N, C-alpha and C. Protein backbone atom coordinates (compact mmCIF):
# COMPACT_ATOMS: atom_id res chain seq x y z
N MET A 1 12.78 -17.62 6.84
CA MET A 1 12.44 -17.09 5.74
C MET A 1 13.52 -15.28 5.91
N MET A 2 13.83 -15.12 5.02
CA MET A 2 14.49 -13.74 5.25
C MET A 2 13.84 -13.11 4.45
N LEU A 3 14.00 -11.83 4.58
CA LEU A 3 13.63 -10.35 4.22
C LEU A 3 14.39 -9.71 2.85
N TYR A 4 14.00 -9.68 2.00
CA TYR A 4 15.05 -8.49 1.01
C TYR A 4 14.07 -7.60 0.44
N PRO A 5 14.80 -6.66 0.38
CA PRO A 5 15.53 -6.33 1.02
C PRO A 5 15.99 -6.22 2.67
N SER A 6 16.72 -6.56 3.16
CA SER A 6 16.50 -6.42 4.64
C SER A 6 16.52 -5.17 5.52
N MET A 7 15.86 -5.20 6.68
CA MET A 7 15.46 -3.65 7.41
C MET A 7 16.59 -3.27 7.53
N SER A 8 17.47 -3.16 8.04
CA SER A 8 18.74 -2.77 7.99
C SER A 8 19.28 -1.82 6.91
N ASP A 9 19.19 -2.89 5.95
CA ASP A 9 19.54 -2.08 4.76
C ASP A 9 18.44 -0.86 3.95
N LEU A 10 17.27 -1.00 4.51
CA LEU A 10 16.34 -0.07 4.15
C LEU A 10 16.65 0.97 5.15
N LEU A 11 16.94 0.63 5.90
CA LEU A 11 16.47 2.01 7.27
C LEU A 11 17.85 2.87 6.72
N LYS A 12 19.31 2.06 6.24
CA LYS A 12 19.89 3.05 5.76
C LYS A 12 19.84 4.21 4.62
N LYS A 13 18.50 3.51 3.96
CA LYS A 13 18.08 5.01 2.83
C LYS A 13 17.44 6.15 3.76
N ILE A 14 16.04 5.30 4.55
CA ILE A 14 15.20 5.77 5.16
C ILE A 14 15.24 5.78 6.68
N PRO A 15 16.06 6.42 7.48
CA PRO A 15 16.36 6.03 9.25
C PRO A 15 15.56 6.24 9.92
N ASN A 16 14.13 6.43 9.62
CA ASN A 16 13.16 6.64 10.51
C ASN A 16 12.07 5.37 10.29
N ARG A 17 12.04 4.34 10.99
CA ARG A 17 10.84 3.03 10.72
C ARG A 17 9.80 3.66 10.17
N TYR A 18 8.86 4.52 10.78
CA TYR A 18 7.68 5.07 10.95
C TYR A 18 7.66 5.69 9.19
N ALA A 19 8.24 6.56 8.70
CA ALA A 19 8.39 7.13 7.39
C ALA A 19 8.80 6.12 6.49
N LEU A 20 9.71 4.98 6.63
CA LEU A 20 9.70 4.11 6.14
C LEU A 20 8.52 3.24 5.96
N VAL A 21 8.03 2.78 6.60
CA VAL A 21 6.18 2.24 6.32
C VAL A 21 5.79 2.92 5.91
N ASN A 22 5.86 4.23 6.05
CA ASN A 22 4.77 5.08 5.26
C ASN A 22 5.04 5.52 3.41
N VAL A 23 6.26 5.25 3.41
CA VAL A 23 6.34 5.63 2.16
C VAL A 23 6.26 4.42 1.11
N ALA A 24 6.76 3.11 2.15
CA ALA A 24 6.21 1.98 1.05
C ALA A 24 5.17 1.55 1.11
N ALA A 25 4.17 2.33 1.95
CA ALA A 25 2.95 1.88 2.15
C ALA A 25 2.57 2.98 0.63
N LYS A 26 2.64 4.05 0.55
CA LYS A 26 2.30 4.97 -0.23
C LYS A 26 2.61 4.39 -1.74
N ARG A 27 4.20 3.84 -1.81
CA ARG A 27 4.04 3.64 -3.33
C ARG A 27 3.58 2.34 -3.32
N ALA A 28 3.33 1.35 -2.70
CA ALA A 28 2.50 0.31 -2.96
C ALA A 28 1.27 0.62 -3.56
N ARG A 29 0.72 1.44 -2.72
CA ARG A 29 -0.92 1.66 -3.05
C ARG A 29 -0.91 2.59 -4.62
N ASP A 30 -0.09 3.11 -4.89
CA ASP A 30 0.10 3.68 -6.04
C ASP A 30 0.33 2.76 -7.35
N ILE A 31 1.43 1.59 -7.23
CA ILE A 31 1.43 0.43 -7.70
C ILE A 31 0.39 -0.03 -8.15
N ALA A 32 -0.51 -0.86 -7.28
CA ALA A 32 -1.47 -1.44 -7.18
C ALA A 32 -2.69 -0.72 -7.69
N ALA A 33 -2.82 0.85 -7.64
CA ALA A 33 -3.75 1.64 -8.09
C ALA A 33 -3.49 1.72 -9.77
N ARG A 34 -2.20 1.17 -10.21
CA ARG A 34 -2.27 1.99 -11.37
C ARG A 34 -2.23 0.21 -12.28
N ALA A 35 -1.90 -0.35 -11.61
CA ALA A 35 -2.48 -2.08 -12.11
C ALA A 35 -3.69 -2.46 -12.51
N GLU A 36 -4.40 -1.39 -11.67
CA GLU A 36 -5.75 -1.70 -11.59
C GLU A 36 -6.63 -0.96 -12.66
N GLU A 37 -6.24 0.24 -13.10
CA GLU A 37 -6.80 1.36 -13.86
C GLU A 37 -5.98 0.66 -15.47
N ASP A 38 -4.98 -0.10 -15.61
CA ASP A 38 -4.77 -0.28 -16.90
C ASP A 38 -4.24 -2.05 -17.12
N THR A 39 -5.29 -2.52 -17.06
CA THR A 39 -5.66 -4.11 -17.36
C THR A 39 -4.80 -4.88 -18.41
N GLU A 40 -4.08 -4.31 -19.08
CA GLU A 40 -2.90 -4.94 -19.70
C GLU A 40 -1.83 -5.28 -18.86
N LEU A 41 -1.36 -4.80 -17.88
CA LEU A 41 -0.46 -4.44 -17.02
C LEU A 41 -0.21 -5.67 -15.93
N HIS A 42 0.21 -6.50 -16.42
CA HIS A 42 0.36 -7.71 -14.92
C HIS A 42 2.08 -7.25 -14.28
N LEU A 43 1.69 -7.70 -12.61
CA LEU A 43 2.36 -7.32 -11.86
C LEU A 43 3.31 -8.82 -11.76
N GLU A 44 4.46 -8.77 -11.72
CA GLU A 44 5.11 -9.59 -11.75
C GLU A 44 5.41 -10.24 -9.90
N GLU A 45 5.29 -9.28 -8.82
CA GLU A 45 5.63 -9.39 -7.76
C GLU A 45 4.45 -8.92 -7.16
N LYS A 46 4.74 -8.48 -5.98
CA LYS A 46 3.60 -7.98 -5.22
C LYS A 46 3.93 -6.43 -5.15
N PRO A 47 2.68 -5.97 -4.60
CA PRO A 47 3.16 -4.32 -4.78
C PRO A 47 4.28 -3.49 -3.92
N VAL A 48 3.98 -4.22 -2.73
CA VAL A 48 4.73 -4.11 -1.73
C VAL A 48 6.37 -4.25 -1.71
N SER A 49 6.79 -5.55 -2.30
CA SER A 49 8.29 -5.92 -2.91
C SER A 49 8.55 -5.03 -3.99
N MET A 50 7.82 -4.38 -4.51
CA MET A 50 8.19 -3.71 -5.70
C MET A 50 8.22 -1.99 -4.99
N ALA A 51 7.65 -1.77 -4.42
CA ALA A 51 8.13 -0.70 -3.42
C ALA A 51 9.24 -0.52 -2.65
N LEU A 52 9.77 -1.47 -1.79
CA LEU A 52 10.58 -1.90 -1.55
C LEU A 52 12.03 -1.94 -2.11
N ASP A 53 11.87 -2.63 -3.46
CA ASP A 53 12.75 -2.58 -4.33
C ASP A 53 13.01 -0.68 -4.87
N ASP A 54 12.15 -0.54 -5.25
CA ASP A 54 12.22 1.05 -5.63
C ASP A 54 12.99 2.07 -4.29
N ILE A 55 12.68 1.77 -3.27
CA ILE A 55 13.43 2.53 -2.16
C ILE A 55 14.49 2.15 -2.59
N MET A 56 15.08 0.61 -2.21
CA MET A 56 16.50 0.51 -2.38
C MET A 56 17.40 0.91 -3.87
N ASN A 57 16.41 1.04 -4.71
CA ASN A 57 17.38 1.55 -5.85
C ASN A 57 16.90 3.10 -6.39
N ASP A 58 16.97 3.78 -5.15
CA ASP A 58 16.93 4.75 -5.10
C ASP A 58 15.75 5.93 -6.15
N ARG A 59 14.78 4.81 -6.13
CA ARG A 59 13.69 5.65 -7.57
C ARG A 59 12.54 6.40 -6.40
N ILE A 60 12.82 5.86 -5.32
CA ILE A 60 11.53 6.62 -4.22
C ILE A 60 12.43 7.27 -3.01
N VAL A 61 12.82 8.57 -3.22
CA VAL A 61 13.03 9.31 -1.67
C VAL A 61 12.00 10.25 -1.63
N PRO A 62 12.02 10.02 0.26
CA PRO A 62 11.17 10.49 0.45
C PRO A 62 11.23 12.08 0.67
N ALA A 63 10.24 13.17 0.80
CA ALA A 63 10.40 14.39 0.71
C ALA A 63 10.04 15.18 2.21
N GLU A 64 11.05 15.51 2.84
CA GLU A 64 10.25 16.11 3.77
C GLU A 64 9.18 17.49 3.57
N PRO A 65 7.88 17.39 4.48
CA PRO A 65 6.88 18.14 4.22
C PRO A 65 7.28 19.66 3.92
N LYS A 66 6.71 20.40 3.51
CA LYS A 66 6.92 21.82 3.65
C LYS A 66 7.02 22.46 4.57
N GLU A 67 5.80 22.19 5.23
CA GLU A 67 5.56 23.38 6.70
C GLU A 67 6.66 22.67 7.60
N GLU A 68 6.41 21.51 7.61
CA GLU A 68 7.32 20.89 8.86
C GLU A 68 9.05 21.43 8.97
N ALA A 69 9.72 21.56 7.59
CA ALA A 69 10.81 22.05 7.24
C ALA A 69 10.76 23.74 7.29
N GLU A 70 9.97 24.28 7.11
CA GLU A 70 9.82 25.72 7.41
C GLU A 70 9.65 25.92 8.98
N THR A 71 9.06 25.45 9.69
CA THR A 71 9.00 25.50 10.84
C THR A 71 10.35 24.89 11.93
N MET A 72 10.90 24.12 11.23
CA MET A 72 12.16 23.69 12.02
C MET A 72 13.01 24.78 11.35
N THR A 73 13.33 25.26 10.43
CA THR A 73 14.46 26.59 10.34
C THR A 73 13.94 27.86 11.17
N GLU A 74 12.35 27.93 11.07
CA GLU A 74 12.06 29.17 12.05
C GLU A 74 12.44 29.13 13.57
N GLN A 75 12.31 27.60 13.68
CA GLN A 75 13.15 27.13 15.35
C GLN A 75 14.07 27.07 15.73
N ALA A 76 15.03 27.03 14.57
CA ALA A 76 16.27 27.18 14.65
C ALA A 76 17.16 27.92 14.83
N GLU A 77 15.96 29.44 14.08
CA GLU A 77 16.66 30.88 13.65
C GLU A 77 16.24 31.39 14.94
N GLU A 78 15.06 30.98 15.52
CA GLU A 78 14.74 31.63 16.66
C GLU A 78 15.77 31.29 17.79
N THR A 79 16.14 29.84 18.31
CA THR A 79 17.09 29.55 19.03
C THR A 79 18.26 30.02 18.89
N ALA A 80 18.63 30.53 17.81
CA ALA A 80 20.22 31.56 17.24
C ALA A 80 19.67 32.63 17.89
N GLU A 81 18.84 33.25 17.82
CA GLU A 81 18.44 34.73 17.99
C GLU A 81 18.84 35.09 19.63
N ASP A 82 18.14 33.66 20.38
CA ASP A 82 18.24 33.81 21.87
C ASP A 82 19.51 33.56 22.41
N GLY A 83 20.15 32.97 21.38
CA GLY A 83 21.62 32.47 22.24
C GLY A 83 22.24 34.20 22.06
N GLU A 84 22.41 34.33 20.73
CA GLU A 84 23.02 35.57 20.90
C GLU A 84 22.48 36.95 21.76
N GLN A 85 21.03 37.06 22.04
CA GLN A 85 20.79 37.92 23.06
C GLN A 85 21.54 37.89 24.42
N GLN A 86 21.52 36.83 24.63
CA GLN A 86 22.29 36.39 26.34
C GLN A 86 23.24 36.77 26.69
């Protein structure tokens, strides 16, 4: 049995396995919820397959959490300042 898209291809889009699983699961839940709400919508594929296809075709791109990005920027600035002071 072959997985399509392959894990190596998916990891090129989202290099962190943990983040990849979280993004795919969130997207799959969104697809499934939309299908439940709209009774006329019939899914041809399973939600997880659709989610992985969205990731491969760049329709879904994970965003860095705002707080993490700010914290990382602050830490980098502090490290740079400490290096200049020494």
